Amino acid sequence: MKIGEKIDVGLTFDELRKANVERCESKFHSVESWSPCDWMTCLVGEVGELASEIKKRRRGEKVPHEKFRHEIGDIQAYLDLLAASLDVDLGEATVEKFNIVSERIGSKVKL
């Protein structure tokens, strides 16, 4: 794969969870060995890195689009590990909350 090459991905939350936990446990430690607070700290760190890139762009610096993609990818991976540590199915949580908000704001758009 070349940098910047478009990838056709039909990734599911379940596939992400399986690969994410497997990679974490094979190279680092078990998901349970860190507390949700530890995973949240990692997630916030990645959100901060994305915020920094956005700030640079706002200041007029040229930030390659791949920087945004990579930071958002990191955020997704850490969000999934946080959800795993809390025994939350990310797909189910997303659908449920999306539909709650749609109902609350009177939108017909539902997942």
N, C-alpha and C. Protein backbone atom coordinates (compact mmCIF):
# COMPACT_ATOMS: atom_id res chain seq x y z
N MET A 1 0.84 -1.18 0.00
CA MET A 1 0.00 0.00 0.00
C MET A 1 0.88 1.24 0.00
N LYS A 2 0.50 2.22 -0.79
CA LYS A 2 1.24 3.48 -0.86
C LYS A 2 0.58 4.50 0.06
N ILE A 3 1.37 5.41 0.59
CA ILE A 3 0.84 6.47 1.44
C ILE A 3 -0.15 7.30 0.61
N GLY A 4 -1.31 7.54 1.19
CA GLY A 4 -2.33 8.32 0.52
C GLY A 4 -3.23 7.52 -0.40
N GLU A 5 -2.89 6.24 -0.60
CA GLU A 5 -3.71 5.38 -1.46
C GLU A 5 -5.05 5.11 -0.78
N LYS A 6 -6.11 5.24 -1.54
CA LYS A 6 -7.46 5.00 -1.03
C LYS A 6 -7.66 3.51 -0.79
N ILE A 7 -8.16 3.17 0.38
CA ILE A 7 -8.39 1.79 0.73
C ILE A 7 -9.90 1.58 0.84
N ASP A 8 -10.42 0.57 0.17
CA ASP A 8 -11.83 0.24 0.28
C ASP A 8 -11.99 -0.67 1.48
N VAL A 9 -12.51 -0.13 2.58
CA VAL A 9 -12.62 -0.89 3.82
C VAL A 9 -14.07 -1.00 4.23
N GLY A 10 -14.50 -2.22 4.41
CA GLY A 10 -15.84 -2.47 4.94
C GLY A 10 -15.69 -3.01 6.35
N LEU A 11 -14.94 -2.31 7.15
CA LEU A 11 -14.61 -2.74 8.50
C LEU A 11 -15.82 -2.66 9.42
N THR A 12 -16.03 -3.72 10.19
CA THR A 12 -17.09 -3.70 11.19
C THR A 12 -16.47 -3.42 12.56
N PHE A 13 -17.31 -3.00 13.49
CA PHE A 13 -16.83 -2.80 14.86
C PHE A 13 -16.31 -4.11 15.45
N ASP A 14 -16.96 -5.22 15.11
CA ASP A 14 -16.51 -6.53 15.63
C ASP A 14 -15.13 -6.89 15.10
N GLU A 15 -14.88 -6.62 13.82
CA GLU A 15 -13.56 -6.91 13.24
C GLU A 15 -12.49 -6.03 13.87
N LEU A 16 -12.82 -4.76 14.09
CA LEU A 16 -11.88 -3.87 14.75
C LEU A 16 -11.55 -4.38 16.15
N ARG A 17 -12.57 -4.74 16.91
CA ARG A 17 -12.36 -5.20 18.28
C ARG A 17 -11.45 -6.42 18.32
N LYS A 18 -11.74 -7.39 17.46
CA LYS A 18 -10.95 -8.62 17.45
C LYS A 18 -9.48 -8.32 17.15
N ALA A 19 -9.22 -7.59 16.08
CA ALA A 19 -7.85 -7.28 15.69
C ALA A 19 -7.16 -6.37 16.70
N ASN A 20 -7.88 -5.41 17.23
CA ASN A 20 -7.33 -4.44 18.17
C ASN A 20 -6.89 -5.13 19.46
N VAL A 21 -7.76 -5.96 20.02
CA VAL A 21 -7.43 -6.67 21.25
C VAL A 21 -6.30 -7.66 21.00
N GLU A 22 -6.36 -8.37 19.88
CA GLU A 22 -5.30 -9.34 19.56
C GLU A 22 -3.94 -8.65 19.46
N ARG A 23 -3.88 -7.52 18.75
CA ARG A 23 -2.62 -6.79 18.62
C ARG A 23 -2.13 -6.29 19.97
N CYS A 24 -3.04 -5.72 20.74
CA CYS A 24 -2.69 -5.19 22.06
C CYS A 24 -2.11 -6.30 22.94
N GLU A 25 -2.79 -7.43 22.98
CA GLU A 25 -2.38 -8.51 23.87
C GLU A 25 -1.15 -9.25 23.36
N SER A 26 -0.91 -9.24 22.05
CA SER A 26 0.26 -9.95 21.53
C SER A 26 1.54 -9.12 21.64
N LYS A 27 1.42 -7.82 21.67
CA LYS A 27 2.61 -6.96 21.67
C LYS A 27 2.81 -6.15 22.94
N PHE A 28 1.76 -5.97 23.73
CA PHE A 28 1.87 -5.11 24.89
C PHE A 28 1.42 -5.82 26.16
N HIS A 29 0.14 -5.86 26.39
CA HIS A 29 -0.42 -6.40 27.62
C HIS A 29 -1.90 -6.68 27.41
N SER A 30 -2.52 -7.32 28.36
CA SER A 30 -3.95 -7.57 28.22
C SER A 30 -4.72 -6.27 28.40
N VAL A 31 -5.86 -6.19 27.76
CA VAL A 31 -6.70 -5.00 27.88
C VAL A 31 -7.06 -4.76 29.34
N GLU A 32 -7.32 -5.83 30.07
CA GLU A 32 -7.74 -5.72 31.47
C GLU A 32 -6.61 -5.27 32.40
N SER A 33 -5.36 -5.35 31.94
CA SER A 33 -4.25 -4.96 32.81
C SER A 33 -4.16 -3.44 32.98
N TRP A 34 -4.86 -2.71 32.13
CA TRP A 34 -4.97 -1.26 32.28
C TRP A 34 -6.39 -0.94 32.69
N SER A 35 -6.53 0.07 33.50
CA SER A 35 -7.86 0.50 33.95
C SER A 35 -8.52 1.34 32.86
N PRO A 36 -9.85 1.50 32.92
CA PRO A 36 -10.51 2.42 31.99
C PRO A 36 -9.89 3.82 32.05
N CYS A 37 -9.43 4.22 33.22
CA CYS A 37 -8.77 5.53 33.35
C CYS A 37 -7.50 5.58 32.51
N ASP A 38 -6.73 4.49 32.51
CA ASP A 38 -5.52 4.42 31.68
C ASP A 38 -5.86 4.54 30.20
N TRP A 39 -6.88 3.78 29.76
CA TRP A 39 -7.27 3.84 28.35
C TRP A 39 -7.82 5.21 27.99
N MET A 40 -8.55 5.83 28.91
CA MET A 40 -9.09 7.17 28.66
C MET A 40 -7.94 8.17 28.48
N THR A 41 -6.91 8.03 29.28
CA THR A 41 -5.74 8.91 29.17
C THR A 41 -5.11 8.78 27.79
N CYS A 42 -5.00 7.54 27.30
CA CYS A 42 -4.46 7.32 25.94
C CYS A 42 -5.35 7.98 24.90
N LEU A 43 -6.65 7.79 25.04
CA LEU A 43 -7.60 8.36 24.09
C LEU A 43 -7.51 9.88 24.06
N VAL A 44 -7.48 10.49 25.22
CA VAL A 44 -7.40 11.95 25.30
C VAL A 44 -6.09 12.45 24.70
N GLY A 45 -5.01 11.70 24.89
CA GLY A 45 -3.74 12.07 24.28
C GLY A 45 -3.84 12.11 22.77
N GLU A 46 -4.51 11.12 22.19
CA GLU A 46 -4.67 11.08 20.74
C GLU A 46 -5.59 12.20 20.25
N VAL A 47 -6.64 12.50 21.00
CA VAL A 47 -7.52 13.61 20.64
C VAL A 47 -6.71 14.91 20.68
N GLY A 48 -5.84 15.04 21.65
CA GLY A 48 -4.97 16.21 21.73
C GLY A 48 -4.05 16.34 20.53
N GLU A 49 -3.52 15.20 20.06
CA GLU A 49 -2.66 15.23 18.88
C GLU A 49 -3.44 15.69 17.65
N LEU A 50 -4.68 15.23 17.50
CA LEU A 50 -5.51 15.69 16.38
C LEU A 50 -5.80 17.18 16.52
N ALA A 51 -6.11 17.62 17.73
CA ALA A 51 -6.39 19.04 17.97
C ALA A 51 -5.18 19.90 17.60
N SER A 52 -4.00 19.40 17.88
CA SER A 52 -2.79 20.14 17.55
C SER A 52 -2.63 20.29 16.04
N GLU A 53 -2.91 19.23 15.30
CA GLU A 53 -2.81 19.30 13.83
C GLU A 53 -3.86 20.26 13.26
N ILE A 54 -5.06 20.23 13.82
CA ILE A 54 -6.12 21.14 13.36
C ILE A 54 -5.73 22.59 13.68
N LYS A 55 -5.14 22.81 14.84
CA LYS A 55 -4.69 24.15 15.22
C LYS A 55 -3.62 24.65 14.25
N LYS A 56 -2.69 23.78 13.88
CA LYS A 56 -1.65 24.16 12.93
C LYS A 56 -2.27 24.59 11.60
N ARG A 57 -3.26 23.81 11.15
CA ARG A 57 -3.94 24.14 9.89
C ARG A 57 -4.65 25.48 10.00
N ARG A 58 -5.30 25.71 11.13
CA ARG A 58 -6.01 26.98 11.35
C ARG A 58 -5.06 28.16 11.31
N ARG A 59 -3.82 27.94 11.75
CA ARG A 59 -2.80 28.99 11.74
C ARG A 59 -2.21 29.22 10.35
N GLY A 60 -2.62 28.38 9.41
CA GLY A 60 -2.14 28.56 8.04
C GLY A 60 -1.05 27.59 7.62
N GLU A 61 -0.63 26.71 8.52
CA GLU A 61 0.39 25.72 8.15
C GLU A 61 -0.22 24.67 7.24
N LYS A 62 0.59 24.14 6.36
CA LYS A 62 0.14 23.06 5.48
C LYS A 62 0.31 21.74 6.25
N VAL A 63 -0.80 21.13 6.56
CA VAL A 63 -0.79 19.85 7.25
C VAL A 63 -1.30 18.79 6.28
N PRO A 64 -0.48 17.78 6.01
CA PRO A 64 -0.94 16.72 5.08
C PRO A 64 -2.22 16.06 5.59
N HIS A 65 -3.14 15.81 4.67
CA HIS A 65 -4.42 15.20 5.03
C HIS A 65 -4.23 13.87 5.77
N GLU A 66 -3.17 13.16 5.43
CA GLU A 66 -2.93 11.86 6.08
C GLU A 66 -2.71 12.01 7.58
N LYS A 67 -2.22 13.17 8.03
CA LYS A 67 -2.05 13.39 9.47
C LYS A 67 -3.40 13.31 10.18
N PHE A 68 -4.43 13.91 9.58
CA PHE A 68 -5.77 13.86 10.16
C PHE A 68 -6.29 12.42 10.16
N ARG A 69 -6.13 11.73 9.03
CA ARG A 69 -6.58 10.33 8.94
C ARG A 69 -5.90 9.46 9.99
N HIS A 70 -4.59 9.63 10.14
CA HIS A 70 -3.85 8.79 11.09
C HIS A 70 -4.26 9.08 12.53
N GLU A 71 -4.41 10.34 12.87
CA GLU A 71 -4.82 10.66 14.25
C GLU A 71 -6.24 10.17 14.53
N ILE A 72 -7.13 10.32 13.56
CA ILE A 72 -8.50 9.82 13.75
C ILE A 72 -8.49 8.30 13.87
N GLY A 73 -7.62 7.63 13.11
CA GLY A 73 -7.48 6.18 13.25
C GLY A 73 -6.99 5.78 14.63
N ASP A 74 -6.01 6.54 15.16
CA ASP A 74 -5.53 6.28 16.52
C ASP A 74 -6.66 6.47 17.54
N ILE A 75 -7.43 7.53 17.36
CA ILE A 75 -8.55 7.79 18.27
C ILE A 75 -9.53 6.63 18.25
N GLN A 76 -9.86 6.15 17.06
CA GLN A 76 -10.80 5.03 16.94
C GLN A 76 -10.26 3.78 17.64
N ALA A 77 -8.98 3.50 17.47
CA ALA A 77 -8.39 2.31 18.09
C ALA A 77 -8.43 2.42 19.61
N TYR A 78 -8.05 3.57 20.15
CA TYR A 78 -8.07 3.74 21.61
C TYR A 78 -9.49 3.79 22.16
N LEU A 79 -10.42 4.38 21.41
CA LEU A 79 -11.82 4.37 21.85
C LEU A 79 -12.32 2.94 21.96
N ASP A 80 -11.95 2.11 20.99
CA ASP A 80 -12.36 0.71 21.03
C ASP A 80 -11.74 -0.01 22.22
N LEU A 81 -10.47 0.24 22.52
CA LEU A 81 -9.84 -0.41 23.68
C LEU A 81 -10.45 0.07 24.99
N LEU A 82 -10.81 1.34 25.06
CA LEU A 82 -11.52 1.85 26.24
C LEU A 82 -12.86 1.13 26.37
N ALA A 83 -13.59 1.03 25.26
CA ALA A 83 -14.88 0.34 25.29
C ALA A 83 -14.70 -1.13 25.69
N ALA A 84 -13.66 -1.77 25.19
CA ALA A 84 -13.39 -3.17 25.57
C ALA A 84 -13.14 -3.29 27.06
N SER A 85 -12.40 -2.34 27.62
CA SER A 85 -12.09 -2.39 29.05
C SER A 85 -13.33 -2.19 29.91
N LEU A 86 -14.36 -1.56 29.33
CA LEU A 86 -15.62 -1.34 30.04
C LEU A 86 -16.69 -2.35 29.63
N ASP A 87 -16.30 -3.33 28.81
CA ASP A 87 -17.22 -4.35 28.30
C ASP A 87 -18.41 -3.72 27.58
N VAL A 88 -18.11 -2.76 26.70
CA VAL A 88 -19.13 -2.07 25.92
C VAL A 88 -18.91 -2.43 24.45
N ASP A 89 -19.97 -2.86 23.79
CA ASP A 89 -19.93 -3.13 22.35
C ASP A 89 -20.07 -1.78 21.65
N LEU A 90 -19.02 -1.37 20.96
CA LEU A 90 -18.98 -0.05 20.34
C LEU A 90 -20.07 0.13 19.28
N GLY A 91 -20.31 -0.90 18.51
CA GLY A 91 -21.36 -0.83 17.50
C GLY A 91 -22.74 -0.65 18.11
N GLU A 92 -23.05 -1.48 19.12
CA GLU A 92 -24.34 -1.37 19.79
C GLU A 92 -24.50 -0.02 20.47
N ALA A 93 -23.45 0.44 21.13
CA ALA A 93 -23.51 1.74 21.82
C ALA A 93 -23.75 2.88 20.83
N THR A 94 -23.09 2.80 19.68
CA THR A 94 -23.23 3.85 18.66
C THR A 94 -24.65 3.89 18.11
N VAL A 95 -25.17 2.73 17.75
CA VAL A 95 -26.54 2.66 17.22
C VAL A 95 -27.54 3.15 18.25
N GLU A 96 -27.41 2.65 19.46
CA GLU A 96 -28.36 3.01 20.52
C GLU A 96 -28.36 4.52 20.76
N LYS A 97 -27.18 5.10 20.94
CA LYS A 97 -27.12 6.53 21.25
C LYS A 97 -27.53 7.39 20.06
N PHE A 98 -27.14 7.00 18.85
CA PHE A 98 -27.54 7.73 17.65
C PHE A 98 -29.06 7.81 17.58
N ASN A 99 -29.72 6.68 17.79
CA ASN A 99 -31.18 6.64 17.71
C ASN A 99 -31.85 7.40 18.84
N ILE A 100 -31.26 7.40 20.03
CA ILE A 100 -31.79 8.20 21.15
C ILE A 100 -31.76 9.68 20.79
N VAL A 101 -30.64 10.13 20.25
CA VAL A 101 -30.52 11.54 19.87
C VAL A 101 -31.48 11.87 18.73
N SER A 102 -31.58 10.99 17.74
CA SER A 102 -32.52 11.23 16.63
C SER A 102 -33.94 11.39 17.16
N GLU A 103 -34.31 10.53 18.09
CA GLU A 103 -35.66 10.60 18.68
C GLU A 103 -35.83 11.93 19.44
N ARG A 104 -34.82 12.30 20.20
CA ARG A 104 -34.90 13.52 21.02
C ARG A 104 -35.03 14.77 20.16
N ILE A 105 -34.32 14.81 19.02
CA ILE A 105 -34.36 16.01 18.19
C ILE A 105 -35.42 15.94 17.09
N GLY A 106 -36.15 14.83 17.05
CA GLY A 106 -37.23 14.70 16.08
C GLY A 106 -36.75 14.38 14.67
N SER A 107 -35.61 13.71 14.57
CA SER A 107 -35.08 13.33 13.25
C SER A 107 -35.60 11.94 12.87
N LYS A 108 -35.89 11.78 11.59
CA LYS A 108 -36.31 10.48 11.08
C LYS A 108 -35.11 9.59 10.78
N VAL A 109 -33.91 10.17 10.81
CA VAL A 109 -32.70 9.41 10.48
C VAL A 109 -32.33 8.53 11.66
N LYS A 110 -32.33 7.22 11.41
CA LYS A 110 -32.01 6.24 12.46
C LYS A 110 -31.03 5.22 11.90
N LEU A 111 -30.29 4.61 12.76
CA LEU A 111 -29.41 3.52 12.35
C LEU A 111 -30.11 2.18 12.57
